[in-house]
Amino acid sequence: KKRNALQKATAELDQKRRDVESEVRRAVQDRDGSAIAYQQAQRKAEVQ
């Protein structure tokens, strides 16, 4: 049972590391995309 618990904990660690890495990359990508979108929205608001 303890060996199975270790396998489960190792898998959960690998999954968590993958989730955090994906979340970080997505957050940086979304932030950069939102910055460009905001600059464009500023320009559109001025013209409108």
ModelCIF file with pLDDT and N, C-alpha, C, O atoms, coordinates in Angstrom:
data_MODEL
#
_entry.id   MODEL 
#
_entity.id                         1 
_entity.type                       polymer 
_entity.pdbx_number_of_molecules   1 
#
_entity_poly.entity_id                      1 
_entity_poly.type                           'polypeptide(L)' 
_entity_poly.nstd_linkage                   no 
_entity_poly.nstd_monomer                   no 
_entity_poly.pdbx_seq_one_letter_code       KKRNALQKATAELDQKRRDVESEVRRAVQDRDGSAIAYQQAQRKAEVQ 
_entity_poly.pdbx_seq_one_letter_code_can   KKRNALQKATAELDQKRRDVESEVRRAVQDRDGSAIAYQQAQRKAEVQ 
_entity_poly.pdbx_strand_id                 A 
#
loop_
_entity_poly_seq.entity_id 
_entity_poly_seq.num 
_entity_poly_seq.mon_id 
_entity_poly_seq.hetero 
1 1  LYS n 
1 2  LYS n 
1 3  ARG n 
1 4  ASN n 
1 5  ALA n 
1 6  LEU n 
1 7  GLN n 
1 8  LYS n 
1 9  ALA n 
1 10 THR n 
1 11 ALA n 
1 12 GLU n 
1 13 LEU n 
1 14 ASP n 
1 15 GLN n 
1 16 LYS n 
1 17 ARG n 
1 18 ARG n 
1 19 ASP n 
1 20 VAL n 
1 21 GLU n 
1 22 SER n 
1 23 GLU n 
1 24 VAL n 
1 25 ARG n 
1 26 ARG n 
1 27 ALA n 
1 28 VAL n 
1 29 GLN n 
1 30 ASP n 
1 31 ARG n 
1 32 ASP n 
1 33 GLY n 
1 34 SER n 
1 35 ALA n 
1 36 ILE n 
1 37 ALA n 
1 38 TYR n 
1 39 GLN n 
1 40 GLN n 
1 41 ALA n 
1 42 GLN n 
1 43 ARG n 
1 44 LYS n 
1 45 ALA n 
1 46 GLU n 
1 47 VAL n 
1 48 GLN n 
#
_struct_asym.id          A 
_struct_asym.entity_id   1 
#
loop_
_ma_qa_metric.id 
_ma_qa_metric.mode 
_ma_qa_metric.name 
_ma_qa_metric.software_group_id 
_ma_qa_metric.type 
1 global pLDDT . pLDDT 
2 local  pLDDT . pLDDT 
#
_ma_qa_metric_global.metric_id      1 
_ma_qa_metric_global.metric_value   94.50 
_ma_qa_metric_global.model_id       1 
_ma_qa_metric_global.ordinal_id     1 
#
loop_
_ma_qa_metric_local.label_asym_id 
_ma_qa_metric_local.label_comp_id 
_ma_qa_metric_local.label_seq_id 
_ma_qa_metric_local.metric_id 
_ma_qa_metric_local.metric_value 
_ma_qa_metric_local.model_id 
_ma_qa_metric_local.ordinal_id 
A LYS 1  2 97.00 1 1  
A LYS 2  2 96.00 1 2  
A ARG 3  2 97.00 1 3  
A ASN 4  2 98.00 1 4  
A ALA 5  2 97.00 1 5  
A LEU 6  2 97.00 1 6  
A GLN 7  2 97.00 1 7  
A LYS 8  2 97.00 1 8  
A ALA 9  2 97.00 1 9  
A THR 10 2 97.00 1 10 
A ALA 11 2 98.00 1 11 
A GLU 12 2 97.00 1 12 
A LEU 13 2 97.00 1 13 
A ASP 14 2 97.00 1 14 
A GLN 15 2 97.00 1 15 
A LYS 16 2 96.00 1 16 
A ARG 17 2 97.00 1 17 
A ARG 18 2 97.00 1 18 
A ASP 19 2 96.00 1 19 
A VAL 20 2 96.00 1 20 
A GLU 21 2 96.00 1 21 
A SER 22 2 96.00 1 22 
A GLU 23 2 94.00 1 23 
A VAL 24 2 94.00 1 24 
A ARG 25 2 95.00 1 25 
A ARG 26 2 94.00 1 26 
A ALA 27 2 92.00 1 27 
A VAL 28 2 93.00 1 28 
A GLN 29 2 93.00 1 29 
A ASP 30 2 92.00 1 30 
A ARG 31 2 92.00 1 31 
A ASP 32 2 92.00 1 32 
A GLY 33 2 92.00 1 33 
A SER 34 2 91.00 1 34 
A ALA 35 2 92.00 1 35 
A ILE 36 2 92.00 1 36 
A ALA 37 2 92.00 1 37 
A TYR 38 2 93.00 1 38 
A GLN 39 2 92.00 1 39 
A GLN 40 2 94.00 1 40 
A ALA 41 2 93.00 1 41 
A GLN 42 2 92.00 1 42 
A ARG 43 2 93.00 1 43 
A LYS 44 2 93.00 1 44 
A ALA 45 2 91.00 1 45 
A GLU 46 2 92.00 1 46 
A VAL 47 2 92.00 1 47 
A GLN 48 2 91.00 1 48 
#
loop_
_atom_site.group_PDB 
_atom_site.id 
_atom_site.type_symbol 
_atom_site.label_atom_id 
_atom_site.label_alt_id 
_atom_site.label_comp_id 
_atom_site.label_asym_id 
_atom_site.label_entity_id 
_atom_site.label_seq_id 
_atom_site.pdbx_PDB_ins_code 
_atom_site.Cartn_x 
_atom_site.Cartn_y 
_atom_site.Cartn_z 
_atom_site.occupancy 
_atom_site.B_iso_or_equiv 
_atom_site.pdbx_formal_charge 
_atom_site.auth_seq_id 
_atom_site.auth_comp_id 
_atom_site.auth_asym_id 
_atom_site.auth_atom_id 
_atom_site.pdbx_PDB_model_num 
ATOM 1   N N  . LYS A 1 1  ? 0.825   -1.211 0.000   1.00 97.00 ? 1  LYS A N  1 
ATOM 2   C CA . LYS A 1 1  ? 0.000   0.000  0.000   1.00 97.00 ? 1  LYS A CA 1 
ATOM 3   C C  . LYS A 1 1  ? 0.856   1.256  0.000   1.00 97.00 ? 1  LYS A C  1 
ATOM 4   O O  . LYS A 1 1  ? 0.540   2.216  -0.703  1.00 97.00 ? 1  LYS A O  1 
ATOM 5   N N  . LYS A 1 2  ? 1.945   1.267  0.784   1.00 96.00 ? 2  LYS A N  1 
ATOM 6   C CA . LYS A 1 2  ? 2.822   2.439  0.817   1.00 96.00 ? 2  LYS A CA 1 
ATOM 7   C C  . LYS A 1 2  ? 3.542   2.616  -0.517  1.00 96.00 ? 2  LYS A C  1 
ATOM 8   O O  . LYS A 1 2  ? 3.795   3.744  -0.939  1.00 96.00 ? 2  LYS A O  1 
ATOM 9   N N  . ARG A 1 3  ? 3.874   1.509  -1.182  1.00 97.00 ? 3  ARG A N  1 
ATOM 10  C CA . ARG A 1 3  ? 4.495   1.615  -2.502  1.00 97.00 ? 3  ARG A CA 1 
ATOM 11  C C  . ARG A 1 3  ? 3.510   2.218  -3.513  1.00 97.00 ? 3  ARG A C  1 
ATOM 12  O O  . ARG A 1 3  ? 3.887   3.053  -4.336  1.00 97.00 ? 3  ARG A O  1 
ATOM 13  N N  . ASN A 1 4  ? 2.265   1.792  -3.442  1.00 98.00 ? 4  ASN A N  1 
ATOM 14  C CA . ASN A 1 4  ? 1.247   2.379  -4.327  1.00 98.00 ? 4  ASN A CA 1 
ATOM 15  C C  . ASN A 1 4  ? 1.033   3.862  -4.009  1.00 98.00 ? 4  ASN A C  1 
ATOM 16  O O  . ASN A 1 4  ? 0.837   4.673  -4.914  1.00 98.00 ? 4  ASN A O  1 
ATOM 17  N N  . ALA A 1 5  ? 1.073   4.213  -2.709  1.00 97.00 ? 5  ALA A N  1 
ATOM 18  C CA . ALA A 1 5  ? 0.916   5.618  -2.324  1.00 97.00 ? 5  ALA A CA 1 
ATOM 19  C C  . ALA A 1 5  ? 2.065   6.457  -2.863  1.00 97.00 ? 5  ALA A C  1 
ATOM 20  O O  . ALA A 1 5  ? 1.861   7.605  -3.258  1.00 97.00 ? 5  ALA A O  1 
ATOM 21  N N  . LEU A 1 6  ? 3.278   5.894  -2.883  1.00 97.00 ? 6  LEU A N  1 
ATOM 22  C CA . LEU A 1 6  ? 4.427   6.621  -3.436  1.00 97.00 ? 6  LEU A CA 1 
ATOM 23  C C  . LEU A 1 6  ? 4.264   6.828  -4.940  1.00 97.00 ? 6  LEU A C  1 
ATOM 24  O O  . LEU A 1 6  ? 4.561   7.907  -5.452  1.00 97.00 ? 6  LEU A O  1 
ATOM 25  N N  . GLN A 1 7  ? 3.799   5.812  -5.642  1.00 97.00 ? 7  GLN A N  1 
ATOM 26  C CA . GLN A 1 7  ? 3.567   5.959  -7.076  1.00 97.00 ? 7  GLN A CA 1 
ATOM 27  C C  . GLN A 1 7  ? 2.513   7.033  -7.356  1.00 97.00 ? 7  GLN A C  1 
ATOM 28  O O  . GLN A 1 7  ? 2.641   7.819  -8.295  1.00 97.00 ? 7  GLN A O  1 
ATOM 29  N N  . LYS A 1 8  ? 1.486   7.050  -6.533  1.00 97.00 ? 8  LYS A N  1 
ATOM 30  C CA . LYS A 1 8  ? 0.443   8.061  -6.697  1.00 97.00 ? 8  LYS A CA 1 
ATOM 31  C C  . LYS A 1 8  ? 0.985   9.463  -6.426  1.00 97.00 ? 8  LYS A C  1 
ATOM 32  O O  . LYS A 1 8  ? 0.684   10.400 -7.165  1.00 97.00 ? 8  LYS A O  1 
ATOM 33  N N  . ALA A 1 9  ? 1.794   9.609  -5.352  1.00 97.00 ? 9  ALA A N  1 
ATOM 34  C CA . ALA A 1 9  ? 2.352   10.914 -5.025  1.00 97.00 ? 9  ALA A CA 1 
ATOM 35  C C  . ALA A 1 9  ? 3.314   11.395 -6.107  1.00 97.00 ? 9  ALA A C  1 
ATOM 36  O O  . ALA A 1 9  ? 3.354   12.585 -6.419  1.00 97.00 ? 9  ALA A O  1 
ATOM 37  N N  . THR A 1 10 ? 4.092   10.470 -6.680  1.00 97.00 ? 10 THR A N  1 
ATOM 38  C CA . THR A 1 10 ? 5.016   10.846 -7.752  1.00 97.00 ? 10 THR A CA 1 
ATOM 39  C C  . THR A 1 10 ? 4.255   11.299 -8.987  1.00 97.00 ? 10 THR A C  1 
ATOM 40  O O  . THR A 1 10 ? 4.625   12.282 -9.628  1.00 97.00 ? 10 THR A O  1 
ATOM 41  N N  . ALA A 1 11 ? 3.191   10.578 -9.318  1.00 98.00 ? 11 ALA A N  1 
ATOM 42  C CA . ALA A 1 11 ? 2.381   10.968 -10.474 1.00 98.00 ? 11 ALA A CA 1 
ATOM 43  C C  . ALA A 1 11 ? 1.710   12.326 -10.248 1.00 98.00 ? 11 ALA A C  1 
ATOM 44  O O  . ALA A 1 11 ? 1.634   13.146 -11.163 1.00 98.00 ? 11 ALA A O  1 
ATOM 45  N N  . GLU A 1 12 ? 1.226   12.557 -9.031  1.00 97.00 ? 12 GLU A N  1 
ATOM 46  C CA . GLU A 1 12 ? 0.596   13.848 -8.722  1.00 97.00 ? 12 GLU A CA 1 
ATOM 47  C C  . GLU A 1 12 ? 1.609   14.986 -8.786  1.00 97.00 ? 12 GLU A C  1 
ATOM 48  O O  . GLU A 1 12 ? 1.271   16.092 -9.209  1.00 97.00 ? 12 GLU A O  1 
ATOM 49  N N  . LEU A 1 13 ? 2.846   14.727 -8.372  1.00 97.00 ? 13 LEU A N  1 
ATOM 50  C CA . LEU A 1 13 ? 3.883   15.758 -8.481  1.00 97.00 ? 13 LEU A CA 1 
ATOM 51  C C  . LEU A 1 13 ? 4.183   16.075 -9.939  1.00 97.00 ? 13 LEU A C  1 
ATOM 52  O O  . LEU A 1 13 ? 4.289   17.241 -10.319 1.00 97.00 ? 13 LEU A O  1 
ATOM 53  N N  . ASP A 1 14 ? 4.320   15.027 -10.758 1.00 97.00 ? 14 ASP A N  1 
ATOM 54  C CA . ASP A 1 14 ? 4.573   15.259 -12.193 1.00 97.00 ? 14 ASP A CA 1 
ATOM 55  C C  . ASP A 1 14 ? 3.432   16.035 -12.828 1.00 97.00 ? 14 ASP A C  1 
ATOM 56  O O  . ASP A 1 14 ? 3.658   16.931 -13.642 1.00 97.00 ? 14 ASP A O  1 
ATOM 57  N N  . GLN A 1 15 ? 2.192   15.685 -12.451 1.00 97.00 ? 15 GLN A N  1 
ATOM 58  C CA . GLN A 1 15 ? 1.037   16.376 -13.013 1.00 97.00 ? 15 GLN A CA 1 
ATOM 59  C C  . GLN A 1 15 ? 1.000   17.835 -12.566 1.00 97.00 ? 15 GLN A C  1 
ATOM 60  O O  . GLN A 1 15 ? 0.693   18.731 -13.352 1.00 97.00 ? 15 GLN A O  1 
ATOM 61  N N  . LYS A 1 16 ? 1.318   18.057 -11.287 1.00 96.00 ? 16 LYS A N  1 
ATOM 62  C CA . LYS A 1 16 ? 1.295   19.426 -10.765 1.00 96.00 ? 16 LYS A CA 1 
ATOM 63  C C  . LYS A 1 16 ? 2.372   20.279 -11.419 1.00 96.00 ? 16 LYS A C  1 
ATOM 64  O O  . LYS A 1 16 ? 2.124   21.442 -11.739 1.00 96.00 ? 16 LYS A O  1 
ATOM 65  N N  . ARG A 1 17 ? 3.550   19.728 -11.621 1.00 97.00 ? 17 ARG A N  1 
ATOM 66  C CA . ARG A 1 17 ? 4.612   20.473 -12.291 1.00 97.00 ? 17 ARG A CA 1 
ATOM 67  C C  . ARG A 1 17 ? 4.201   20.823 -13.720 1.00 97.00 ? 17 ARG A C  1 
ATOM 68  O O  . ARG A 1 17 ? 4.455   21.929 -14.196 1.00 97.00 ? 17 ARG A O  1 
ATOM 69  N N  . ARG A 1 18 ? 3.567   19.872 -14.395 1.00 97.00 ? 18 ARG A N  1 
ATOM 70  C CA . ARG A 1 18 ? 3.109   20.133 -15.757 1.00 97.00 ? 18 ARG A CA 1 
ATOM 71  C C  . ARG A 1 18 ? 2.018   21.199 -15.767 1.00 97.00 ? 18 ARG A C  1 
ATOM 72  O O  . ARG A 1 18 ? 2.018   22.083 -16.624 1.00 97.00 ? 18 ARG A O  1 
ATOM 73  N N  . ASP A 1 19 ? 1.084   21.118 -14.810 1.00 96.00 ? 19 ASP A N  1 
ATOM 74  C CA . ASP A 1 19 ? 0.002   22.102 -14.746 1.00 96.00 ? 19 ASP A CA 1 
ATOM 75  C C  . ASP A 1 19 ? 0.544   23.502 -14.478 1.00 96.00 ? 19 ASP A C  1 
ATOM 76  O O  . ASP A 1 19 ? 0.121   24.466 -15.117 1.00 96.00 ? 19 ASP A O  1 
ATOM 77  N N  . VAL A 1 20 ? 1.483   23.616 -13.533 1.00 96.00 ? 20 VAL A N  1 
ATOM 78  C CA . VAL A 1 20 ? 2.037   24.927 -13.201 1.00 96.00 ? 20 VAL A CA 1 
ATOM 79  C C  . VAL A 1 20 ? 2.804   25.504 -14.382 1.00 96.00 ? 20 VAL A C  1 
ATOM 80  O O  . VAL A 1 20 ? 2.686   26.691 -14.685 1.00 96.00 ? 20 VAL A O  1 
ATOM 81  N N  . GLU A 1 21 ? 3.593   24.660 -15.052 1.00 96.00 ? 21 GLU A N  1 
ATOM 82  C CA . GLU A 1 21 ? 4.336   25.150 -16.220 1.00 96.00 ? 21 GLU A CA 1 
ATOM 83  C C  . GLU A 1 21 ? 3.387   25.634 -17.308 1.00 96.00 ? 21 GLU A C  1 
ATOM 84  O O  . GLU A 1 21 ? 3.612   26.679 -17.919 1.00 96.00 ? 21 GLU A O  1 
ATOM 85  N N  . SER A 1 22 ? 2.319   24.865 -17.547 1.00 96.00 ? 22 SER A N  1 
ATOM 86  C CA . SER A 1 22 ? 1.334   25.284 -18.561 1.00 96.00 ? 22 SER A CA 1 
ATOM 87  C C  . SER A 1 22 ? 0.639   26.575 -18.146 1.00 96.00 ? 22 SER A C  1 
ATOM 88  O O  . SER A 1 22 ? 0.416   27.459 -18.974 1.00 96.00 ? 22 SER A O  1 
ATOM 89  N N  . GLU A 1 23 ? 0.296   26.683 -16.860 1.00 94.00 ? 23 GLU A N  1 
ATOM 90  C CA . GLU A 1 23 ? -0.374  27.888 -16.374 1.00 94.00 ? 23 GLU A CA 1 
ATOM 91  C C  . GLU A 1 23 ? 0.527   29.113 -16.514 1.00 94.00 ? 23 GLU A C  1 
ATOM 92  O O  . GLU A 1 23 ? 0.058   30.191 -16.878 1.00 94.00 ? 23 GLU A O  1 
ATOM 93  N N  . VAL A 1 24 ? 1.822   28.949 -16.226 1.00 94.00 ? 24 VAL A N  1 
ATOM 94  C CA . VAL A 1 24 ? 2.743   30.079 -16.335 1.00 94.00 ? 24 VAL A CA 1 
ATOM 95  C C  . VAL A 1 24 ? 2.874   30.515 -17.792 1.00 94.00 ? 24 VAL A C  1 
ATOM 96  O O  . VAL A 1 24 ? 2.774   31.701 -18.104 1.00 94.00 ? 24 VAL A O  1 
ATOM 97  N N  . ARG A 1 25 ? 3.095   29.562 -18.668 1.00 95.00 ? 25 ARG A N  1 
ATOM 98  C CA . ARG A 1 25 ? 3.256   29.913 -20.090 1.00 95.00 ? 25 ARG A CA 1 
ATOM 99  C C  . ARG A 1 25 ? 1.973   30.541 -20.644 1.00 95.00 ? 25 ARG A C  1 
ATOM 100 O O  . ARG A 1 25 ? 2.026   31.496 -21.420 1.00 95.00 ? 25 ARG A O  1 
ATOM 101 N N  . ARG A 1 26 ? 0.832   30.000 -20.240 1.00 94.00 ? 26 ARG A N  1 
ATOM 102 C CA . ARG A 1 26 ? -0.431  30.561 -20.707 1.00 94.00 ? 26 ARG A CA 1 
ATOM 103 C C  . ARG A 1 26 ? -0.647  31.963 -20.133 1.00 94.00 ? 26 ARG A C  1 
ATOM 104 O O  . ARG A 1 26 ? -1.142  32.856 -20.822 1.00 94.00 ? 26 ARG A O  1 
ATOM 105 N N  . ALA A 1 27 ? -0.269  32.147 -18.857 1.00 92.00 ? 27 ALA A N  1 
ATOM 106 C CA . ALA A 1 27 ? -0.440  33.464 -18.239 1.00 92.00 ? 27 ALA A CA 1 
ATOM 107 C C  . ALA A 1 27 ? 0.428   34.513 -18.921 1.00 92.00 ? 27 ALA A C  1 
ATOM 108 O O  . ALA A 1 27 ? -0.027  35.628 -19.175 1.00 92.00 ? 27 ALA A O  1 
ATOM 109 N N  . VAL A 1 28 ? 1.675   34.159 -19.216 1.00 93.00 ? 28 VAL A N  1 
ATOM 110 C CA . VAL A 1 28 ? 2.557   35.108 -19.910 1.00 93.00 ? 28 VAL A CA 1 
ATOM 111 C C  . VAL A 1 28 ? 2.025   35.408 -21.302 1.00 93.00 ? 28 VAL A C  1 
ATOM 112 O O  . VAL A 1 28 ? 2.013   36.559 -21.737 1.00 93.00 ? 28 VAL A O  1 
ATOM 113 N N  . GLN A 1 29 ? 1.586   34.366 -21.996 1.00 93.00 ? 29 GLN A N  1 
ATOM 114 C CA . GLN A 1 29 ? 1.044   34.554 -23.341 1.00 93.00 ? 29 GLN A CA 1 
ATOM 115 C C  . GLN A 1 29 ? -0.217  35.414 -23.307 1.00 93.00 ? 29 GLN A C  1 
ATOM 116 O O  . GLN A 1 29 ? -0.371  36.326 -24.119 1.00 93.00 ? 29 GLN A O  1 
ATOM 117 N N  . ASP A 1 30 ? -1.110  35.127 -22.375 1.00 92.00 ? 30 ASP A N  1 
ATOM 118 C CA . ASP A 1 30 ? -2.351  35.913 -22.267 1.00 92.00 ? 30 ASP A CA 1 
ATOM 119 C C  . ASP A 1 30 ? -2.054  37.354 -21.881 1.00 92.00 ? 30 ASP A C  1 
ATOM 120 O O  . ASP A 1 30 ? -2.693  38.279 -22.382 1.00 92.00 ? 30 ASP A O  1 
ATOM 121 N N  . ARG A 1 31 ? -1.075  37.549 -20.982 1.00 92.00 ? 31 ARG A N  1 
ATOM 122 C CA . ARG A 1 31 ? -0.741  38.909 -20.578 1.00 92.00 ? 31 ARG A CA 1 
ATOM 123 C C  . ARG A 1 31 ? -0.197  39.718 -21.750 1.00 92.00 ? 31 ARG A C  1 
ATOM 124 O O  . ARG A 1 31 ? -0.591  40.867 -21.949 1.00 92.00 ? 31 ARG A O  1 
ATOM 125 N N  . ASP A 1 32 ? 0.707   39.121 -22.525 1.00 92.00 ? 32 ASP A N  1 
ATOM 126 C CA . ASP A 1 32 ? 1.270   39.828 -23.679 1.00 92.00 ? 32 ASP A CA 1 
ATOM 127 C C  . ASP A 1 32 ? 0.189   40.089 -24.728 1.00 92.00 ? 32 ASP A C  1 
ATOM 128 O O  . ASP A 1 32 ? 0.140   41.158 -25.337 1.00 92.00 ? 32 ASP A O  1 
ATOM 129 N N  . GLY A 1 33 ? -0.682  39.085 -24.927 1.00 92.00 ? 33 GLY A N  1 
ATOM 130 C CA . GLY A 1 33 ? -1.769  39.298 -25.882 1.00 92.00 ? 33 GLY A CA 1 
ATOM 131 C C  . GLY A 1 33 ? -2.741  40.359 -25.413 1.00 92.00 ? 33 GLY A C  1 
ATOM 132 O O  . GLY A 1 33 ? -3.240  41.149 -26.214 1.00 92.00 ? 33 GLY A O  1 
ATOM 133 N N  . SER A 1 34 ? -3.015  40.381 -24.102 1.00 91.00 ? 34 SER A N  1 
ATOM 134 C CA . SER A 1 34 ? -3.917  41.396 -23.558 1.00 91.00 ? 34 SER A CA 1 
ATOM 135 C C  . SER A 1 34 ? -3.314  42.794 -23.662 1.00 91.00 ? 34 SER A C  1 
ATOM 136 O O  . SER A 1 34 ? -4.038  43.769 -23.866 1.00 91.00 ? 34 SER A O  1 
ATOM 137 N N  . ALA A 1 35 ? -1.996  42.896 -23.524 1.00 92.00 ? 35 ALA A N  1 
ATOM 138 C CA . ALA A 1 35 ? -1.338  44.196 -23.656 1.00 92.00 ? 35 ALA A CA 1 
ATOM 139 C C  . ALA A 1 35 ? -1.512  44.743 -25.069 1.00 92.00 ? 35 ALA A C  1 
ATOM 140 O O  . ALA A 1 35 ? -1.821  45.921 -25.254 1.00 92.00 ? 35 ALA A O  1 
ATOM 141 N N  . ILE A 1 36 ? -1.311  43.879 -26.066 1.00 92.00 ? 36 ILE A N  1 
ATOM 142 C CA . ILE A 1 36 ? -1.496  44.311 -27.458 1.00 92.00 ? 36 ILE A CA 1 
ATOM 143 C C  . ILE A 1 36 ? -2.952  44.678 -27.712 1.00 92.00 ? 36 ILE A C  1 
ATOM 144 O O  . ILE A 1 36 ? -3.249  45.678 -28.365 1.00 92.00 ? 36 ILE A O  1 
ATOM 145 N N  . ALA A 1 37 ? -3.870  43.839 -27.178 1.00 92.00 ? 37 ALA A N  1 
ATOM 146 C CA . ALA A 1 37 ? -5.299  44.114 -27.373 1.00 92.00 ? 37 ALA A CA 1 
ATOM 147 C C  . ALA A 1 37 ? -5.695  45.433 -26.721 1.00 92.00 ? 37 ALA A C  1 
ATOM 148 O O  . ALA A 1 37 ? -6.503  46.180 -27.272 1.00 92.00 ? 37 ALA A O  1 
ATOM 149 N N  . TYR A 1 38 ? -5.130  45.722 -25.553 1.00 93.00 ? 38 TYR A N  1 
ATOM 150 C CA . TYR A 1 38 ? -5.466  46.976 -24.884 1.00 93.00 ? 38 TYR A CA 1 
ATOM 151 C C  . TYR A 1 38 ? -4.968  48.181 -25.669 1.00 93.00 ? 38 TYR A C  1 
ATOM 152 O O  . TYR A 1 38 ? -5.675  49.183 -25.784 1.00 93.00 ? 38 TYR A O  1 
ATOM 153 N N  . GLN A 1 39 ? -3.774  48.092 -26.201 1.00 92.00 ? 39 GLN A N  1 
ATOM 154 C CA . GLN A 1 39 ? -3.247  49.199 -27.002 1.00 92.00 ? 39 GLN A CA 1 
ATOM 155 C C  . GLN A 1 39 ? -4.118  49.440 -28.234 1.00 92.00 ? 39 GLN A C  1 
ATOM 156 O O  . GLN A 1 39 ? -4.380  50.582 -28.612 1.00 92.00 ? 39 GLN A O  1 
ATOM 157 N N  . GLN A 1 40 ? -4.563  48.341 -28.853 1.00 94.00 ? 40 GLN A N  1 
ATOM 158 C CA . GLN A 1 40 ? -5.447  48.480 -30.008 1.00 94.00 ? 40 GLN A CA 1 
ATOM 159 C C  . GLN A 1 40 ? -6.810  49.033 -29.590 1.00 94.00 ? 40 GLN A C  1 
ATOM 160 O O  . GLN A 1 40 ? -7.409  49.837 -30.305 1.00 94.00 ? 40 GLN A O  1 
ATOM 161 N N  . ALA A 1 41 ? -7.293  48.594 -28.423 1.00 93.00 ? 41 ALA A N  1 
ATOM 162 C CA . ALA A 1 41 ? -8.582  49.101 -27.948 1.00 93.00 ? 41 ALA A CA 1 
ATOM 163 C C  . ALA A 1 41 ? -8.490  50.577 -27.608 1.00 93.00 ? 41 ALA A C  1 
ATOM 164 O O  . ALA A 1 41 ? -9.447  51.322 -27.821 1.00 93.00 ? 41 ALA A O  1 
ATOM 165 N N  . GLN A 1 42 ? -7.356  51.007 -27.083 1.00 92.00 ? 42 GLN A N  1 
ATOM 166 C CA . GLN A 1 42 ? -7.151  52.439 -26.819 1.00 92.00 ? 42 GLN A CA 1 
ATOM 167 C C  . GLN A 1 42 ? -7.255  53.254 -28.098 1.00 92.00 ? 42 GLN A C  1 
ATOM 168 O O  . GLN A 1 42 ? -7.932  54.280 -28.160 1.00 92.00 ? 42 GLN A O  1 
ATOM 169 N N  . ARG A 1 43 ? -6.564  52.764 -29.108 1.00 93.00 ? 43 ARG A N  1 
ATOM 170 C CA . ARG A 1 43 ? -6.587  53.475 -30.395 1.00 93.00 ? 43 ARG A CA 1 
ATOM 171 C C  . ARG A 1 43 ? -7.992  53.490 -30.982 1.00 93.00 ? 43 ARG A C  1 
ATOM 172 O O  . ARG A 1 43 ? -8.444  54.504 -31.515 1.00 93.00 ? 43 ARG A O  1 
ATOM 173 N N  . LYS A 1 44 ? -8.683  52.345 -30.876 1.00 93.00 ? 44 LYS A N  1 
ATOM 174 C CA . LYS A 1 44 ? -10.053 52.284 -31.414 1.00 93.00 ? 44 LYS A CA 1 
ATOM 175 C C  . LYS A 1 44 ? -10.969 53.225 -30.651 1.00 93.00 ? 44 LYS A C  1 
ATOM 176 O O  . LYS A 1 44 ? -11.820 53.878 -31.254 1.00 93.00 ? 44 LYS A O  1 
ATOM 177 N N  . ALA A 1 45 ? -10.810 53.306 -29.328 1.00 91.00 ? 45 ALA A N  1 
ATOM 178 C CA . ALA A 1 45 ? -11.651 54.199 -28.529 1.00 91.00 ? 45 ALA A CA 1 
ATOM 179 C C  . ALA A 1 45 ? -11.404 55.656 -28.898 1.00 91.00 ? 45 ALA A C  1 
ATOM 180 O O  . ALA A 1 45 ? -12.345 56.447 -28.958 1.00 91.00 ? 45 ALA A O  1 
ATOM 181 N N  . GLU A 1 46 ? -10.151 56.016 -29.145 1.00 92.00 ? 46 GLU A N  1 
ATOM 182 C CA . GLU A 1 46 ? -9.847  57.391 -29.538 1.00 92.00 ? 46 GLU A CA 1 
ATOM 183 C C  . GLU A 1 46 ? -10.494 57.734 -30.878 1.00 92.00 ? 46 GLU A C  1 
ATOM 184 O O  . GLU A 1 46 ? -11.073 58.809 -31.036 1.00 92.00 ? 46 GLU A O  1 
ATOM 185 N N  . VAL A 1 47 ? -10.395 56.822 -31.834 1.00 92.00 ? 47 VAL A N  1 
ATOM 186 C CA . VAL A 1 47 ? -10.986 57.069 -33.159 1.00 92.00 ? 47 VAL A CA 1 
ATOM 187 C C  . VAL A 1 47 ? -12.505 57.131 -33.060 1.00 92.00 ? 47 VAL A C  1 
ATOM 188 O O  . VAL A 1 47 ? -13.133 58.005 -33.657 1.00 92.00 ? 47 VAL A O  1 
ATOM 189 N N  . GLN A 1 48 ? -13.096 56.205 -32.307 1.00 91.00 ? 48 GLN A N  1 
ATOM 190 C CA . GLN A 1 48 ? -14.554 56.187 -32.190 1.00 91.00 ? 48 GLN A CA 1 
ATOM 191 C C  . GLN A 1 48 ? -15.065 57.416 -31.434 1.00 91.00 ? 48 GLN A C  1 
ATOM 192 O O  . GLN A 1 48 ? -16.271 57.565 -31.242 1.00 91.00 ? 48 GLN A O  1 
#
